[in-house]
Protein backbone atom coordinates (compact mmCIF):
# COMPACT_ATOMS: atom_id res chain seq x y z
CA ARG A 1 -20.63 -6.77 -15.25
CA PRO A 2 -17.04 -7.51 -16.39
CA GLN A 3 -14.48 -8.09 -13.63
CA VAL A 4 -10.76 -8.49 -13.16
CA SER A 5 -9.17 -10.81 -10.59
CA VAL A 6 -6.42 -9.18 -8.52
CA SER A 7 -3.83 -11.07 -6.49
CA LEU A 8 -3.41 -10.13 -2.80
CA PRO A 9 -0.34 -12.01 -1.53
CA TYR A 10 0.10 -9.55 1.37
CA GLU A 11 -2.21 -7.43 3.50
CA TYR A 12 -0.99 -4.31 1.60
CA ASN A 13 -0.07 -4.56 -2.10
CA THR A 14 0.79 -1.96 -4.72
CA TYR A 15 -1.17 -2.23 -7.97
CA CYS A 16 -1.33 -0.57 -11.38
CA THR A 17 -4.74 -0.82 -12.99
CA GLN A 18 -5.06 -2.00 -16.59
CA SER A 19 -8.67 -0.78 -16.71
CA ALA A 20 -10.77 1.67 -14.73
CA LEU A 21 -12.03 -0.16 -11.63
CA ASP A 22 -14.85 0.21 -9.10
CA PHE A 23 -14.16 -1.02 -5.54
CA THR A 24 -17.49 0.15 -4.12
CA GLY A 25 -18.95 -2.49 -1.79
CA ASN A 26 -16.16 -5.00 -2.46
CA GLU A 27 -15.97 -7.44 0.47
CA ASP A 28 -12.41 -8.65 -0.22
CA VAL A 29 -10.31 -5.58 -1.03
CA GLU A 30 -10.06 -1.82 -0.51
CA ALA A 31 -8.13 0.68 -2.67
CA TYR A 32 -6.07 3.60 -1.33
CA THR A 33 -4.08 6.52 -2.71
CA ALA A 34 -0.84 7.51 -1.00
CA GLU A 35 0.71 10.89 -0.24
CA MET A 36 3.85 11.61 1.77
CA ASN A 37 3.25 13.71 4.89
CA GLY A 38 4.79 17.17 5.30
CA GLU A 39 7.50 15.92 7.66
CA GLY A 40 8.78 13.34 5.15
CA THR A 41 8.42 10.53 7.69
CA GLY A 42 5.27 8.74 6.61
CA VAL A 43 2.65 8.20 3.97
CA THR A 44 -1.04 8.99 4.42
CA LEU A 45 -3.42 6.52 2.79
CA THR A 46 -6.83 7.71 1.63
CA GLN A 47 -9.50 5.23 0.58
CA VAL A 48 -10.91 5.59 -2.93
CA TYR A 49 -13.73 3.71 -4.59
CA GLN A 50 -13.10 4.28 -8.30
CA VAL A 51 -9.65 4.16 -9.91
CA PRO A 52 -8.77 5.27 -13.47
CA GLU A 53 -6.83 3.10 -15.90
CA GLY A 54 -3.05 3.16 -15.34
CA ALA A 55 -3.25 4.64 -11.82
CA GLY A 56 -1.09 3.33 -9.01
CA VAL A 57 -2.90 2.40 -5.79
CA ILE A 58 -2.45 0.33 -2.67
CA LEU A 59 -4.79 -2.62 -2.33
CA LYS A 60 -5.59 -3.70 1.23
CA SER A 61 -6.79 -7.25 1.66
CA LYS A 62 -9.83 -7.56 3.90
CA GLY A 63 -9.89 -10.68 6.05
CA GLU A 64 -8.04 -13.67 4.64
CA ALA A 65 -8.66 -12.95 0.93
CA THR A 66 -5.70 -13.78 -1.33
CA THR A 67 -7.52 -12.76 -4.52
CA ALA A 68 -10.42 -10.45 -5.24
CA ASN A 69 -12.72 -9.83 -8.18
CA VAL A 70 -13.15 -6.13 -8.94
CA ASN A 71 -15.70 -4.55 -11.29
CA ILE A 72 -14.36 -2.97 -14.48
CA ILE A 73 -15.95 0.37 -15.43
CA THR A 74 -15.64 2.52 -18.54
CA SER A 75 -13.83 5.44 -16.83
CA ALA A 76 -13.02 7.08 -13.51
CA ASP A 77 -11.83 10.55 -12.47
CA GLU A 78 -8.12 11.14 -11.87
CA LEU A 79 -6.98 10.65 -8.27
CA SER A 80 -5.98 13.96 -6.67
CA GLY A 81 -2.95 14.08 -4.37
CA ASN A 82 -1.87 10.54 -5.25
CA GLN A 83 1.93 10.12 -5.35
CA LEU A 84 1.75 6.48 -6.46
CA LYS A 85 2.86 5.88 -10.05
CA GLY A 86 1.64 2.78 -11.85
CA VAL A 87 4.18 0.56 -13.59
CA LYS A 88 2.83 -0.55 -16.99
CA THR A 89 6.07 -2.24 -18.07
CA ALA A 90 8.76 -3.55 -15.71
CA MET A 91 11.16 -0.87 -14.42
CA GLN A 92 14.83 -1.51 -13.73
CA ALA A 93 16.32 -0.47 -10.39
CA ALA A 94 18.38 2.31 -12.04
CA GLU A 95 15.17 3.84 -13.45
CA LEU A 96 13.59 3.74 -9.99
CA VAL A 97 16.64 5.44 -8.44
CA ALA A 98 16.41 8.20 -11.09
CA GLU A 99 12.72 8.70 -10.14
CA ASN A 100 13.59 8.94 -6.39
CA ALA A 101 11.21 6.01 -5.97
CA TYR A 102 10.08 4.29 -2.80
CA ILE A 103 8.71 0.75 -3.00
CA LEU A 104 6.40 -1.00 -0.55
CA VAL A 105 8.23 -3.60 1.55
CA ASP A 106 6.07 -5.25 4.19
CA GLN A 107 4.21 -2.17 5.48
CA LEU A 108 6.89 0.47 4.89
CA PHE A 109 7.83 2.46 1.82
CA CYS A 110 11.60 2.12 1.36
CA ARG A 111 13.74 4.33 -0.90
CA VAL A 112 15.39 2.38 -3.70
CA ALA A 113 19.13 2.36 -2.93
CA GLU A 114 21.69 3.68 -5.42
CA ASN A 115 23.28 0.22 -5.75
CA ALA A 116 19.98 -1.70 -6.02
CA GLU A 117 19.59 -4.38 -8.67
CA GLY A 118 16.55 -6.04 -10.19
CA GLU A 119 13.24 -4.64 -11.36
CA LEU A 120 9.76 -3.66 -10.26
CA ALA A 121 7.25 -5.82 -12.13
CA ALA A 122 4.55 -4.49 -14.43
CA GLY A 123 1.23 -4.17 -12.62
CA LYS A 124 2.86 -2.76 -9.45
CA ALA A 125 3.30 0.85 -8.29
CA TYR A 126 5.92 2.97 -6.54
CA LEU A 127 5.80 6.16 -4.48
CA ALA A 128 7.29 9.06 -6.46
CA VAL A 129 8.93 11.61 -4.15
CA PRO A 130 10.16 14.84 -5.77
CA ALA A 131 13.97 15.01 -5.76
CA ASN A 132 13.96 18.34 -3.91
CA VAL A 133 11.95 16.91 -0.98
CA LYS A 134 13.91 15.69 2.05
CA ALA A 135 12.43 12.39 3.19
CA ALA A 136 13.43 9.54 5.50
CA ALA A 137 14.84 6.36 3.95
CA THR A 138 11.71 4.51 5.11
CA LEU A 139 8.18 5.89 5.37
CA SER A 140 5.49 4.33 7.56
CA LEU A 141 1.84 3.97 6.52
CA GLY A 142 -0.96 5.94 8.15
CA PHE A 143 -4.68 6.33 7.52
CA GLY A 144 -5.66 10.02 7.25
CA ASN A 145 -6.87 12.02 10.23
CA ILE A 146 -8.98 10.33 12.87
CA THR A 147 -11.89 12.47 14.04
CA GLY A 148 -14.53 11.97 16.69
CA ALA A 149 -12.49 9.72 18.99
CA THR A 150 -13.34 10.53 22.60
CA GLU A 151 -11.42 7.84 24.47
CA VAL A 152 -9.16 4.89 23.85
CA GLU A 153 -9.92 1.57 25.48
CA ALA A 154 -7.32 -1.09 26.14
CA GLN A 155 -7.79 -4.02 23.81
CA ALA A 156 -8.05 -7.51 25.26
CA LYS A 157 -4.86 -9.58 25.20
CA ALA A 158 -3.99 -10.70 21.67
CA THR A 159 -5.41 -14.03 20.65
CA ALA A 160 -2.77 -16.76 20.42
CA GLY A 161 -1.37 -16.90 16.90
CA GLU A 162 -2.28 -13.32 15.90
CA ILE A 163 0.77 -11.61 14.39
CA TYR A 164 1.44 -7.85 14.54
CA ASN A 165 4.34 -5.82 13.13
CA MET A 166 6.15 -3.10 15.08
CA GLN A 167 3.69 -0.48 13.76
CA GLY A 168 0.89 -2.38 15.50
CA MET A 169 -0.71 -3.57 12.27
CA ARG A 170 -1.96 -7.14 12.05
CA VAL A 171 -0.20 -9.18 9.35
CA LYS A 172 -0.99 -12.57 7.84
CA SER A 173 2.44 -14.07 8.45
CA ALA A 174 5.83 -13.13 9.87
CA THR A 175 8.69 -12.67 7.43
CA LYS A 176 12.09 -11.18 8.21
CA GLY A 177 11.93 -8.67 11.06
CA ILE A 178 10.50 -8.13 14.54
CA TYR A 179 6.90 -9.16 15.27
CA ILE A 180 4.49 -9.45 18.18
CA ILE A 181 2.98 -12.94 18.30
CA GLY A 182 0.51 -13.77 21.06
CA GLY A 183 1.57 -10.63 22.96
CA LYS A 184 5.32 -11.46 22.94
CA LYS A 185 8.10 -9.93 20.82
CA TYR A 186 9.88 -12.28 18.40
């Protein structure tokens, strides 16, 4: 079966598919659609297994994988409710501002500022928010509705060297910002 190799430099990465892809049973990566919540404060991620050509998705690295091979398929159904737009050719910052675009930075979607410079590379994706929708300047990530949880247990103290961001998500490495490392804030 033909495959494509995708780069996973971060735990969460935006991606624009060049071919229809099948993520079913992949041990290194998961694919998600994104849709802004009704309050305009966050983005709900929904896992998908097949992605059509040209679609924008978020790829979540599983474990320590920095690349993943994904099966190419002939076609896939359109993704309903997905607000991610794939970038087939690089987009300049001014184009992103005109689209009311949010780009993924660490694990937050951030609105592209009016005075931004640079470009979003081909093969990436951005969150398209309708201009008439009032939304926060940054949107946090969330994973759908959790059902069937009956109680929450305290987790054992973090293992030394494990790094978490302020949203409580484990990250591979600390960049600019505030992180929890070994149970202490840095």
